[in-house]
Amino acid sequence: MTSAAALLQSFIQDLPQNAATAAEIVDNFDKEKYKEVVEFAQSANGGRPI
């Protein structure tokens, strides 16, 4: 069983790496590809919104 202090310590220790990973995801987000995926999903759903 993990204590609250250990969980908090792990969170604080991992925060910089997690923030860097999140920033990388945001920086590499391709709006055009997202739009294509949404259009495909709507098409697969009979043209109805998803």
N, C-alpha and C. Protein backbone atom coordinates (compact mmCIF):
# COMPACT_ATOMS: atom_id res chain seq x y z
N MET A 1 0.85 -1.18 0.00
CA MET A 1 0.00 0.00 0.00
C MET A 1 0.90 1.25 0.00
N THR A 2 0.51 2.24 -0.76
CA THR A 2 1.30 3.45 -0.88
C THR A 2 0.71 4.56 -0.02
N SER A 3 1.58 5.25 0.69
CA SER A 3 1.12 6.33 1.56
C SER A 3 0.84 7.59 0.74
N ALA A 4 0.08 8.49 1.33
CA ALA A 4 -0.23 9.75 0.66
C ALA A 4 1.05 10.55 0.43
N ALA A 5 1.97 10.51 1.37
CA ALA A 5 3.23 11.24 1.23
C ALA A 5 4.04 10.68 0.06
N ALA A 6 4.06 9.37 -0.10
CA ALA A 6 4.79 8.75 -1.20
C ALA A 6 4.15 9.11 -2.54
N LEU A 7 2.83 9.11 -2.58
CA LEU A 7 2.13 9.49 -3.81
C LEU A 7 2.42 10.94 -4.17
N LEU A 8 2.39 11.81 -3.18
CA LEU A 8 2.67 13.23 -3.42
C LEU A 8 4.11 13.41 -3.89
N GLN A 9 5.05 12.73 -3.27
CA GLN A 9 6.45 12.81 -3.66
C GLN A 9 6.63 12.34 -5.11
N SER A 10 5.98 11.24 -5.47
CA SER A 10 6.06 10.72 -6.84
C SER A 10 5.48 11.73 -7.83
N PHE A 11 4.35 12.33 -7.48
CA PHE A 11 3.71 13.32 -8.34
C PHE A 11 4.65 14.51 -8.57
N ILE A 12 5.23 15.02 -7.50
CA ILE A 12 6.14 16.17 -7.60
C ILE A 12 7.37 15.81 -8.41
N GLN A 13 7.89 14.62 -8.20
CA GLN A 13 9.09 14.19 -8.91
C GLN A 13 8.82 14.01 -10.41
N ASP A 14 7.64 13.49 -10.77
CA ASP A 14 7.31 13.21 -12.17
C ASP A 14 6.73 14.42 -12.90
N LEU A 15 6.37 15.46 -12.19
CA LEU A 15 5.71 16.61 -12.79
C LEU A 15 6.49 17.24 -13.94
N PRO A 16 7.77 17.51 -13.83
CA PRO A 16 8.48 18.13 -14.96
C PRO A 16 8.45 17.28 -16.23
N GLN A 17 8.64 15.97 -16.09
CA GLN A 17 8.60 15.09 -17.26
C GLN A 17 7.21 15.04 -17.86
N ASN A 18 6.18 14.96 -17.01
CA ASN A 18 4.81 14.93 -17.50
C ASN A 18 4.44 16.23 -18.19
N ALA A 19 4.90 17.34 -17.66
CA ALA A 19 4.62 18.64 -18.28
C ALA A 19 5.33 18.75 -19.63
N ALA A 20 6.55 18.26 -19.71
CA ALA A 20 7.29 18.29 -20.97
C ALA A 20 6.60 17.42 -22.01
N THR A 21 6.13 16.27 -21.60
CA THR A 21 5.43 15.38 -22.52
C THR A 21 4.13 16.02 -22.99
N ALA A 22 3.40 16.64 -22.10
CA ALA A 22 2.15 17.32 -22.48
C ALA A 22 2.42 18.46 -23.45
N ALA A 23 3.47 19.22 -23.21
CA ALA A 23 3.83 20.32 -24.11
C ALA A 23 4.19 19.80 -25.48
N GLU A 24 4.88 18.68 -25.53
CA GLU A 24 5.26 18.08 -26.83
C GLU A 24 4.02 17.63 -27.59
N ILE A 25 3.07 17.05 -26.89
CA ILE A 25 1.82 16.61 -27.54
C ILE A 25 1.09 17.81 -28.12
N VAL A 26 1.00 18.89 -27.37
CA VAL A 26 0.32 20.10 -27.84
C VAL A 26 1.06 20.69 -29.04
N ASP A 27 2.38 20.74 -28.97
CA ASP A 27 3.17 21.30 -30.06
C ASP A 27 3.04 20.50 -31.34
N ASN A 28 2.86 19.18 -31.23
CA ASN A 28 2.80 18.32 -32.40
C ASN A 28 1.37 18.03 -32.87
N PHE A 29 0.39 18.63 -32.23
CA PHE A 29 -1.01 18.39 -32.58
C PHE A 29 -1.29 18.94 -33.97
N ASP A 30 -1.81 18.08 -34.83
CA ASP A 30 -2.11 18.46 -36.22
C ASP A 30 -3.62 18.63 -36.36
N LYS A 31 -4.08 19.88 -36.43
CA LYS A 31 -5.52 20.16 -36.51
C LYS A 31 -6.14 19.55 -37.76
N GLU A 32 -5.40 19.51 -38.85
CA GLU A 32 -5.92 18.96 -40.11
C GLU A 32 -6.19 17.45 -39.97
N LYS A 33 -5.28 16.74 -39.35
CA LYS A 33 -5.48 15.30 -39.15
C LYS A 33 -6.66 15.05 -38.22
N TYR A 34 -6.80 15.89 -37.18
CA TYR A 34 -7.93 15.75 -36.26
C TYR A 34 -9.24 15.97 -37.02
N LYS A 35 -9.27 16.97 -37.87
CA LYS A 35 -10.46 17.25 -38.66
C LYS A 35 -10.80 16.07 -39.55
N GLU A 36 -9.79 15.44 -40.16
CA GLU A 36 -10.01 14.29 -41.03
C GLU A 36 -10.58 13.11 -40.24
N VAL A 37 -10.09 12.90 -39.04
CA VAL A 37 -10.60 11.81 -38.19
C VAL A 37 -12.05 12.06 -37.83
N VAL A 38 -12.39 13.29 -37.48
CA VAL A 38 -13.78 13.63 -37.13
C VAL A 38 -14.68 13.43 -38.35
N GLU A 39 -14.24 13.86 -39.51
CA GLU A 39 -15.03 13.69 -40.74
C GLU A 39 -15.23 12.20 -41.05
N PHE A 40 -14.18 11.40 -40.87
CA PHE A 40 -14.30 9.96 -41.09
C PHE A 40 -15.31 9.35 -40.12
N ALA A 41 -15.22 9.73 -38.86
CA ALA A 41 -16.14 9.18 -37.85
C ALA A 41 -17.58 9.56 -38.17
N GLN A 42 -17.79 10.78 -38.60
CA GLN A 42 -19.15 11.20 -38.97
C GLN A 42 -19.64 10.43 -40.18
N SER A 43 -18.77 10.23 -41.15
CA SER A 43 -19.12 9.47 -42.34
C SER A 43 -19.48 8.04 -41.97
N ALA A 44 -18.68 7.43 -41.11
CA ALA A 44 -18.93 6.07 -40.66
C ALA A 44 -20.21 5.97 -39.84
N ASN A 45 -20.66 7.08 -39.30
CA ASN A 45 -21.88 7.16 -38.49
C ASN A 45 -23.08 7.57 -39.34
N GLY A 46 -22.97 7.38 -40.64
CA GLY A 46 -24.09 7.70 -41.53
C GLY A 46 -24.25 9.19 -41.75
N GLY A 47 -23.18 9.95 -41.59
CA GLY A 47 -23.23 11.40 -41.80
C GLY A 47 -23.76 12.18 -40.61
N ARG A 48 -24.09 11.45 -39.55
CA ARG A 48 -24.61 12.11 -38.35
C ARG A 48 -23.46 12.59 -37.47
N PRO A 49 -23.67 13.64 -36.71
CA PRO A 49 -22.61 14.09 -35.79
C PRO A 49 -22.26 13.00 -34.79
N ILE A 50 -21.06 13.03 -34.33
CA ILE A 50 -20.62 12.02 -33.35
C ILE A 50 -20.65 12.60 -31.96
